[in-house]
Protein backbone atom coordinates (compact mmCIF):
# COMPACT_ATOMS: atom_id res chain seq x y z
CA MET A 1 -31.89 1.26 -28.17
CA TYR A 2 -29.68 0.53 -24.75
CA ASP A 3 -30.80 2.66 -22.36
CA VAL A 4 -27.87 4.24 -20.29
CA TYR A 5 -27.56 6.31 -17.41
CA LEU A 6 -25.06 9.20 -17.09
CA ILE A 7 -24.74 10.74 -13.25
CA ALA A 8 -23.73 14.21 -13.01
CA VAL A 9 -24.66 16.09 -10.14
CA GLU A 10 -24.70 19.78 -9.99
CA ASN A 11 -23.84 19.98 -6.08
CA VAL A 12 -21.28 17.97 -5.63
CA PRO A 13 -17.36 18.25 -5.22
CA GLY A 14 -16.29 17.18 -8.21
CA TRP A 15 -12.11 16.66 -9.56
CA TRP A 16 -10.35 19.52 -11.47
CA LEU A 17 -13.42 20.20 -13.60
CA TYR A 18 -17.14 20.99 -13.25
CA MET A 19 -20.45 18.73 -14.29
CA ASP A 20 -21.73 21.87 -16.97
CA ASN A 21 -18.36 21.40 -18.92
CA VAL A 22 -18.28 17.88 -18.79
CA VAL A 23 -22.21 17.33 -20.36
CA PRO A 24 -21.97 18.37 -23.58
CA PHE A 25 -18.50 16.72 -23.90
CA VAL A 26 -20.18 13.09 -23.44
CA GLU A 27 -23.74 14.20 -25.47
CA ASN A 28 -21.14 15.12 -28.16
CA ALA A 29 -19.50 11.68 -27.53
CA MET A 30 -22.52 9.58 -27.85
CA GLN A 31 -24.40 11.50 -31.15
CA ASP A 32 -20.18 10.82 -32.65
CA LEU A 33 -20.87 6.88 -31.55
CA GLU A 34 -24.57 6.88 -33.08
CA ALA A 35 -23.03 8.64 -36.50
CA ARG A 36 -20.26 6.26 -36.88
CA HIS A 37 -22.68 2.76 -35.69
CA PRO A 38 -25.32 2.63 -37.86
CA GLY A 39 -28.32 1.45 -35.79
CA LEU A 40 -27.29 2.62 -33.07
CA GLN A 41 -29.55 4.34 -30.71
CA PHE A 42 -28.38 5.77 -26.18
CA ARG A 43 -31.58 6.56 -24.65
CA LYS A 44 -30.13 8.88 -22.99
CA HIS A 45 -30.74 9.50 -18.50
CA TRP A 46 -29.72 11.79 -16.95
CA ILE A 47 -29.18 12.13 -13.53
CA ARG A 48 -28.45 15.86 -12.99
CA GLU A 49 -29.18 15.66 -9.02
CA LEU A 50 -29.31 13.69 -5.82
CA ALA A 51 -31.82 12.29 -3.90
CA TYR A 52 -31.52 11.85 -0.77
CA GLY A 53 -31.92 15.23 1.64
CA ARG A 54 -35.42 16.00 0.57
CA ASP A 55 -37.60 13.01 2.68
CA MET A 56 -36.14 14.89 6.46
CA LEU A 57 -37.77 11.10 8.53
CA TYR A 58 -35.20 9.08 5.88
CA ARG A 59 -32.04 7.85 7.84
CA PRO A 60 -30.12 5.81 6.50
CA TYR A 61 -28.89 2.23 7.76
CA VAL A 62 -26.42 2.20 9.20
CA ASN A 63 -24.92 -1.14 11.41
CA LEU A 64 -23.16 -0.78 15.09
CA ALA A 65 -22.68 -3.88 15.83
CA ARG A 66 -19.06 -4.73 14.23
CA THR A 67 -16.78 -1.24 15.26
CA ARG A 68 -13.76 -3.71 13.70
CA PRO A 69 -13.81 -5.32 10.01
CA ARG A 70 -13.19 -9.52 9.43
CA PRO A 71 -9.66 -9.85 8.47
CA SER A 72 -9.81 -10.88 4.72
CA THR A 73 -9.45 -13.59 3.37
CA ARG A 74 -7.48 -12.36 0.37
CA SER A 75 -4.13 -11.14 0.96
CA THR A 76 -2.76 -7.79 -1.78
CA SER A 77 0.57 -6.61 -1.48
CA ILE A 78 0.98 -2.90 -2.51
CA PRO A 79 5.33 -3.44 -3.12
CA ALA A 80 6.85 0.21 -0.46
CA SER A 81 8.03 1.89 -4.32
CA SER A 82 7.35 1.10 -7.53
CA PRO A 83 9.80 -0.75 -10.01
CA PRO A 84 12.44 2.03 -11.91
CA ALA A 85 10.49 2.21 -15.49
CA HIS A 86 11.18 0.80 -18.21
CA ARG A 87 13.30 2.90 -21.12
C-alpha cells in the first residue's frame, strides 16, 4: 500500500486546464497501474483546497534581514541561443 498525496487545488489558476478535468484522468491512470501490477495499491489523499486564509491571525514569516541574495558559489551557463536542431 502506497500513500500518495495528490494536489488539485480548485481555486488556484492553472495553466490551460481545469482541475475538474485532471482529477478523473489521474484516477483512471492510477486504477490502470493497479490493474497492470497485481498487489499494487494506492491510498490516495487528494488536497483540494488551500489551507491559508482560514486563520485570520496567521502571518507567514518573511525574512527582511537580507535585501540582496548572496552570490552563488555555483556557476550556471545559459547559452544566448540554442544550438541548431539535428536532423
